[in-house]
Amino acid sequence: MKVKYVGKRCSTLWHAKDTVGTWFITFNTSNKIQLTLIERMFILNLIKEGSGVYYDLITVVVMKDHVHLIIRLNGAATVARIISAIKGRTSKHFVKTTSRTPPFWQADWHEVELVSTVMLLSRIGYVQKNIAEALHDGDLVDAISFTAGMWMV
């Protein structure tokens, strides 16, 4: 079973040169910054905009302080470029439109290439579990997600 753990830390970049494959990615806000509902919706919409252009979005959940997504690369970009673009665009937007100051996101992220159907279904289940736990905790807007064309809050 081939599993890749790749990420970005500070100015040193480790990334796969792969522009294909299915990937589970997690990234966190800096210092556990709590995202507002409007910020979470902006992040979700930005990730959805990239689907079909740079990747195919399988599922995403935007929690109060982190994001989980599963994407299938289509040859247009690497995971590193996609995550850098998402983090960069959201950071610039939030600094411009809110009182937030950089850094908005942690410099690193976690990614795993999903090389089997079992791995894919396991990670989809993990994302759905995050949504269920947020709803169970009583915060109906804690998790904002999109899966296979269906909205879930």
Protein backbone atom coordinates (compact mmCIF):
# COMPACT_ATOMS: atom_id res chain seq x y z
CA MET A 1 0.00 0.00 0.00
CA LYS A 2 1.51 3.31 -1.12
CA VAL A 3 0.86 6.25 1.22
CA LYS A 4 2.48 9.65 0.83
CA TYR A 5 2.77 12.19 3.63
CA VAL A 6 3.71 15.49 2.11
CA GLY A 7 3.43 19.08 3.27
CA LYS A 8 4.81 22.55 3.39
CA ARG A 9 6.65 23.97 6.40
CA CYS A 10 8.13 27.47 6.46
CA SER A 11 10.18 28.18 3.35
CA THR A 12 11.07 24.58 2.57
CA LEU A 13 8.66 22.89 0.20
CA TRP A 14 8.22 19.13 0.05
CA HIS A 15 5.65 18.10 -2.47
CA ALA A 16 4.81 15.31 -4.80
CA LYS A 17 5.28 16.08 -8.45
CA ASP A 18 2.09 14.16 -9.04
CA THR A 19 -0.66 15.93 -10.91
CA VAL A 20 -2.91 12.89 -10.81
CA GLY A 21 -4.32 10.67 -8.09
CA THR A 22 -6.92 10.99 -5.34
CA TRP A 23 -5.86 12.86 -2.20
CA PHE A 24 -7.15 13.39 1.34
CA ILE A 25 -5.96 16.78 2.61
CA THR A 26 -6.29 18.51 5.98
CA PHE A 27 -5.16 22.02 6.86
CA ASN A 28 -5.66 24.14 10.00
CA THR A 29 -6.02 27.77 10.91
CA SER A 30 -3.09 29.41 12.65
CA ASN A 31 -3.32 29.27 16.45
CA LYS A 32 -6.73 27.58 16.20
CA ILE A 33 -8.39 30.76 14.87
CA GLN A 34 -12.16 30.18 14.87
CA LEU A 35 -13.75 30.69 11.46
CA THR A 36 -17.05 32.51 11.24
CA LEU A 37 -19.92 31.07 9.22
CA ILE A 38 -19.30 33.65 6.47
CA GLU A 39 -15.60 32.74 6.34
CA ARG A 40 -16.42 29.04 6.17
CA MET A 41 -18.85 29.64 3.32
CA PHE A 42 -16.21 31.67 1.44
CA ILE A 43 -13.69 28.83 1.83
CA LEU A 44 -16.23 26.23 0.73
CA ASN A 45 -17.23 28.24 -2.34
CA LEU A 46 -13.59 28.85 -3.29
CA ILE A 47 -12.84 25.12 -3.07
CA LYS A 48 -15.93 24.34 -5.14
CA GLU A 49 -14.83 26.88 -7.79
CA GLY A 50 -11.63 24.92 -8.39
CA SER A 51 -13.52 21.70 -9.00
CA GLY A 52 -13.55 20.76 -12.66
CA VAL A 53 -10.70 23.18 -13.38
CA TYR A 54 -7.75 22.00 -11.25
CA TYR A 55 -9.27 18.93 -9.61
CA ASP A 56 -12.51 17.02 -9.13
CA LEU A 57 -13.97 17.61 -5.69
CA ILE A 58 -15.17 14.45 -3.99
CA THR A 59 -15.97 15.87 -0.57
CA VAL A 60 -15.04 18.79 1.67
CA VAL A 61 -15.91 19.87 5.18
CA VAL A 62 -14.98 23.26 6.60
CA MET A 63 -14.93 23.09 10.38
CA LYS A 64 -14.45 26.00 12.81
CA ASP A 65 -10.64 25.72 12.74
CA HIS A 66 -9.71 23.28 9.97
CA VAL A 67 -10.63 21.91 6.56
CA HIS A 68 -10.77 18.33 5.28
CA LEU A 69 -11.10 17.68 1.57
CA ILE A 70 -10.81 14.81 -0.84
CA ILE A 71 -9.92 15.68 -4.41
CA ARG A 72 -8.98 13.83 -7.57
CA LEU A 73 -6.24 15.65 -9.46
CA ASN A 74 -6.87 16.07 -13.19
CA GLY A 75 -3.32 16.85 -14.36
CA ALA A 76 -3.60 20.65 -14.09
CA ALA A 77 -1.79 21.17 -10.77
CA THR A 78 -0.08 19.49 -7.82
CA VAL A 79 -1.55 19.28 -4.33
CA ALA A 80 1.01 21.84 -3.15
CA ARG A 81 -0.09 24.39 -5.75
CA ILE A 82 -3.78 23.82 -5.01
CA ILE A 83 -3.39 24.20 -1.22
CA SER A 84 -1.12 27.23 -1.64
CA ALA A 85 -3.73 28.84 -3.89
CA ILE A 86 -6.61 28.13 -1.48
CA LYS A 87 -4.68 29.39 1.54
CA GLY A 88 -3.31 32.43 -0.28
CA ARG A 89 -6.61 33.55 -1.74
CA THR A 90 -8.55 33.08 1.50
CA SER A 91 -5.86 34.82 3.57
CA LYS A 92 -5.81 37.86 1.28
CA HIS A 93 -9.60 38.03 1.28
CA PHE A 94 -9.93 37.77 5.07
CA VAL A 95 -7.18 40.32 5.75
CA LYS A 96 -8.85 42.71 3.29
CA THR A 97 -12.45 42.23 4.50
CA THR A 98 -12.05 41.54 8.23
CA SER A 99 -9.86 42.58 11.13
CA ARG A 100 -7.84 39.37 10.79
CA THR A 101 -4.07 39.65 10.61
CA PRO A 102 -1.63 37.17 9.06
CA PRO A 103 -0.79 34.40 9.41
CA PHE A 104 -4.29 33.04 8.88
CA TRP A 105 -3.33 29.41 8.14
CA GLN A 106 -0.68 27.11 9.58
CA ALA A 107 2.22 26.76 7.15
CA ASP A 108 1.95 22.98 6.97
CA TRP A 109 -0.79 20.59 5.97
CA HIS A 110 -1.37 16.85 5.91
CA GLU A 111 -2.04 14.91 2.74
CA VAL A 112 -2.41 11.24 1.94
CA GLU A 113 -2.72 9.73 -1.51
CA LEU A 114 -5.72 7.39 -1.54
CA VAL A 115 -4.60 4.49 -3.69
CA SER A 116 -7.49 2.09 -3.10
CA THR A 117 -11.26 2.15 -2.86
CA VAL A 118 -10.99 1.04 0.78
CA MET A 119 -8.79 4.05 1.61
CA LEU A 120 -11.16 6.40 -0.24
CA LEU A 121 -14.28 5.11 1.51
CA SER A 122 -12.50 5.22 4.87
CA ARG A 123 -11.58 8.90 4.43
CA ILE A 124 -15.05 9.82 3.16
CA GLY A 125 -16.39 8.15 6.32
CA TYR A 126 -13.95 10.19 8.42
CA VAL A 127 -15.16 13.45 6.85
CA GLN A 128 -18.79 12.46 7.42
CA LYS A 129 -17.95 11.54 11.04
CA ASN A 130 -16.63 15.10 11.56
CA ILE A 131 -19.95 16.47 10.34
CA ALA A 132 -21.95 14.14 12.59
CA GLU A 133 -19.85 15.01 15.65
CA ALA A 134 -20.32 18.73 15.01
CA LEU A 135 -24.07 18.28 14.74
CA HIS A 136 -24.13 16.08 17.85
CA ASP A 137 -22.35 18.81 19.82
CA GLY A 138 -25.36 21.01 19.15
CA ASP A 139 -23.80 23.56 16.81
CA LEU A 140 -25.85 23.21 13.65
CA VAL A 141 -23.51 25.51 11.76
CA ASP A 142 -20.25 24.02 13.04
CA ALA A 143 -19.59 22.02 9.88
CA ILE A 144 -20.18 23.27 6.38
CA SER A 145 -19.66 20.58 3.77
CA PHE A 146 -20.25 19.49 0.21
CA THR A 147 -20.30 15.89 -0.97
CA ALA A 148 -21.09 14.57 -4.43
CA GLY A 149 -23.34 17.48 -5.34
CA MET A 150 -25.25 17.46 -2.05
CA TRP A 151 -25.13 20.19 0.60
CA MET A 152 -25.00 19.23 4.25
CA VAL A 153 -25.00 21.56 7.24
